[in-house]
Amino acid sequence: MPTVTENDLQELKDLINHRFDELDHHVQALDHRLSLYVTKTDERLEAIKENLADLKKQSDKQDNRLWVLISAMFMALIGLLFKISLNP
């Protein structure tokens, strides 16, 4: 029956520690990549929010232009009706 020496145990311990160090290094690298991804995603979301706010402002301006155009056409129609009714 083979016997396990202290040297063998030390080698196993070193091997296990080395594997855990590698695993820790990989986890830290993944954590770093994940934090970069989250940061980029947050920046993109902020940019999208800004673009949506700009689109809302443009939409409001276009609504105002539409009402001004409708009001001008209505006033012109009323003016035309008065002109026709007062000048036979």
C-alpha atoms as a PDB file:
ATOM      1  CA  MET A   1       0.000   0.000   0.000  1.00  0.00           C
ATOM      2  CA  PRO A   2       1.494   3.334  -1.024  1.00  0.00           C
ATOM      3  CA  THR A   3       2.016   5.925   1.616  1.00  0.00           C
ATOM      4  CA  VAL A   4       1.344   9.607   1.216  1.00  0.00           C
ATOM      5  CA  THR A   5       4.207  11.788   2.214  1.00  0.00           C
ATOM      6  CA  GLU A   6       4.066  15.330   3.389  1.00  0.00           C
ATOM      7  CA  ASN A   7       5.735  16.357   0.154  1.00  0.00           C
ATOM      8  CA  ASP A   8       2.858  14.858  -1.843  1.00  0.00           C
ATOM      9  CA  LEU A   9       0.331  16.668   0.306  1.00  0.00           C
ATOM     10  CA  GLN A  10       2.204  19.946  -0.176  1.00  0.00           C
ATOM     11  CA  GLU A  11       2.169  19.439  -3.964  1.00  0.00           C
ATOM     12  CA  LEU A  12      -1.574  18.773  -3.899  1.00  0.00           C
ATOM     13  CA  LYS A  13      -2.137  21.826  -1.748  1.00  0.00           C
ATOM     14  CA  ASP A  14      -0.067  23.990  -4.112  1.00  0.00           C
ATOM     15  CA  LEU A  15      -1.933  22.610  -7.128  1.00  0.00           C
ATOM     16  CA  ILE A  16      -5.319  23.321  -5.536  1.00  0.00           C
ATOM     17  CA  ASN A  17      -4.234  26.830  -4.509  1.00  0.00           C
ATOM     18  CA  HIS A  18      -2.921  27.481  -8.017  1.00  0.00           C
ATOM     19  CA  ARG A  19      -6.241  26.384  -9.544  1.00  0.00           C
ATOM     20  CA  PHE A  20      -8.177  28.621  -7.163  1.00  0.00           C
ATOM     21  CA  ASP A  21      -5.896  31.547  -8.007  1.00  0.00           C
ATOM     22  CA  GLU A  22      -6.552  30.963 -11.720  1.00  0.00           C
ATOM     23  CA  LEU A  23     -10.276  30.766 -11.052  1.00  0.00           C
ATOM     24  CA  ASP A  24     -10.151  33.974  -9.022  1.00  0.00           C
ATOM     25  CA  HIS A  25      -8.275  35.689 -11.854  1.00  0.00           C
ATOM     26  CA  HIS A  26     -10.911  34.580 -14.386  1.00  0.00           C
ATOM     27  CA  VAL A  27     -13.745  35.741 -12.130  1.00  0.00           C
ATOM     28  CA  GLN A  28     -12.094  39.155 -11.734  1.00  0.00           C
ATOM     29  CA  ALA A  29     -11.675  39.441 -15.522  1.00  0.00           C
ATOM     30  CA  LEU A  30     -15.338  38.553 -16.043  1.00  0.00           C
ATOM     31  CA  ASP A  31     -16.371  41.047 -13.383  1.00  0.00           C
ATOM     32  CA  HIS A  32     -14.356  43.751 -15.113  1.00  0.00           C
ATOM     33  CA  ARG A  33     -15.905  42.932 -18.499  1.00  0.00           C
ATOM     34  CA  LEU A  34     -19.361  42.886 -16.976  1.00  0.00           C
ATOM     35  CA  SER A  35     -18.880  46.279 -15.337  1.00  0.00           C
ATOM     36  CA  LEU A  36     -17.696  47.710 -18.669  1.00  0.00           C
ATOM     37  CA  TYR A  37     -20.755  46.246 -20.385  1.00  0.00           C
ATOM     38  CA  VAL A  38     -23.075  47.724 -17.755  1.00  0.00           C
ATOM     39  CA  THR A  39     -21.411  51.118 -18.085  1.00  0.00           C
ATOM     40  CA  LYS A  40     -21.766  51.082 -21.875  1.00  0.00           C
ATOM     41  CA  THR A  41     -25.394  50.007 -21.574  1.00  0.00           C
ATOM     42  CA  ASP A  42     -26.126  52.842 -19.141  1.00  0.00           C
ATOM     43  CA  GLU A  43     -24.515  55.341 -21.511  1.00  0.00           C
ATOM     44  CA  ARG A  44     -26.600  54.030 -24.407  1.00  0.00           C
ATOM     45  CA  LEU A  45     -29.781  54.251 -22.357  1.00  0.00           C
ATOM     46  CA  GLU A  46     -29.000  57.859 -21.438  1.00  0.00           C
ATOM     47  CA  ALA A  47     -28.401  58.669 -25.103  1.00  0.00           C
ATOM     48  CA  ILE A  48     -31.737  57.060 -26.013  1.00  0.00           C
ATOM     49  CA  LYS A  49     -33.505  59.081 -23.306  1.00  0.00           C
ATOM     50  CA  GLU A  50     -31.975  62.298 -24.654  1.00  0.00           C
ATOM     51  CA  ASN A  51     -33.015  61.405 -28.206  1.00  0.00           C
ATOM     52  CA  LEU A  52     -36.571  60.681 -27.071  1.00  0.00           C
ATOM     53  CA  ALA A  53     -36.728  64.029 -25.281  1.00  0.00           C
ATOM     54  CA  ASP A  54     -35.528  65.766 -28.468  1.00  0.00           C
ATOM     55  CA  LEU A  55     -38.162  63.927 -30.508  1.00  0.00           C
ATOM     56  CA  LYS A  56     -40.858  65.012 -28.063  1.00  0.00           C
ATOM     57  CA  LYS A  57     -39.751  68.646 -28.375  1.00  0.00           C
ATOM     58  CA  GLN A  58     -39.817  68.400 -32.172  1.00  0.00           C
ATOM     59  CA  SER A  59     -43.257  66.825 -32.069  1.00  0.00           C
ATOM     60  CA  ASP A  60     -44.552  69.642 -29.870  1.00  0.00           C
ATOM     61  CA  LYS A  61     -43.161  72.217 -32.316  1.00  0.00           C
ATOM     62  CA  GLN A  62     -44.816  70.443 -35.236  1.00  0.00           C
ATOM     63  CA  ASP A  63     -48.145  70.392 -33.381  1.00  0.00           C
ATOM     64  CA  ASN A  64     -47.855  74.145 -32.849  1.00  0.00           C
ATOM     65  CA  ARG A  65     -47.090  74.694 -36.529  1.00  0.00           C
ATOM     66  CA  LEU A  66     -50.101  72.623 -37.517  1.00  0.00           C
ATOM     67  CA  TRP A  67     -52.436  74.665 -35.311  1.00  0.00           C
ATOM     68  CA  VAL A  68     -51.015  77.913 -36.648  1.00  0.00           C
ATOM     69  CA  LEU A  69     -51.600  76.689 -40.198  1.00  0.00           C
ATOM     70  CA  ILE A  70     -55.175  75.607 -39.419  1.00  0.00           C
ATOM     71  CA  SER A  71     -55.880  78.934 -37.685  1.00  0.00           C
ATOM     72  CA  ALA A  72     -54.486  80.900 -40.627  1.00  0.00           C
ATOM     73  CA  MET A  73     -56.604  78.937 -43.089  1.00  0.00           C
ATOM     74  CA  PHE A  74     -59.697  79.455 -40.931  1.00  0.00           C
ATOM     75  CA  MET A  75     -59.071  83.198 -40.711  1.00  0.00           C
ATOM     76  CA  ALA A  76     -58.543  83.386 -44.478  1.00  0.00           C
ATOM     77  CA  LEU A  77     -61.807  81.521 -45.043  1.00  0.00           C
ATOM     78  CA  ILE A  78     -63.695  83.873 -42.726  1.00  0.00           C
ATOM     79  CA  GLY A  79     -62.119  86.857 -44.476  1.00  0.00           C
ATOM     80  CA  LEU A  80     -63.127  85.465 -47.858  1.00  0.00           C
ATOM     81  CA  LEU A  81     -66.696  84.858 -46.650  1.00  0.00           C
ATOM     82  CA  PHE A  82     -66.955  88.437 -45.327  1.00  0.00           C
ATOM     83  CA  LYS A  83     -65.556  89.802 -48.584  1.00  0.00           C
ATOM     84  CA  ILE A  84     -68.061  87.813 -50.667  1.00  0.00           C
ATOM     85  CA  SER A  85     -71.004  88.650 -48.391  1.00  0.00           C
ATOM     86  CA  LEU A  86     -70.247  92.397 -48.131  1.00  0.00           C
ATOM     87  CA  ASN A  87     -69.370  92.919 -51.830  1.00  0.00           C
ATOM     88  CA  PRO A  88     -72.238  91.698 -53.978  1.00  0.00           C
END
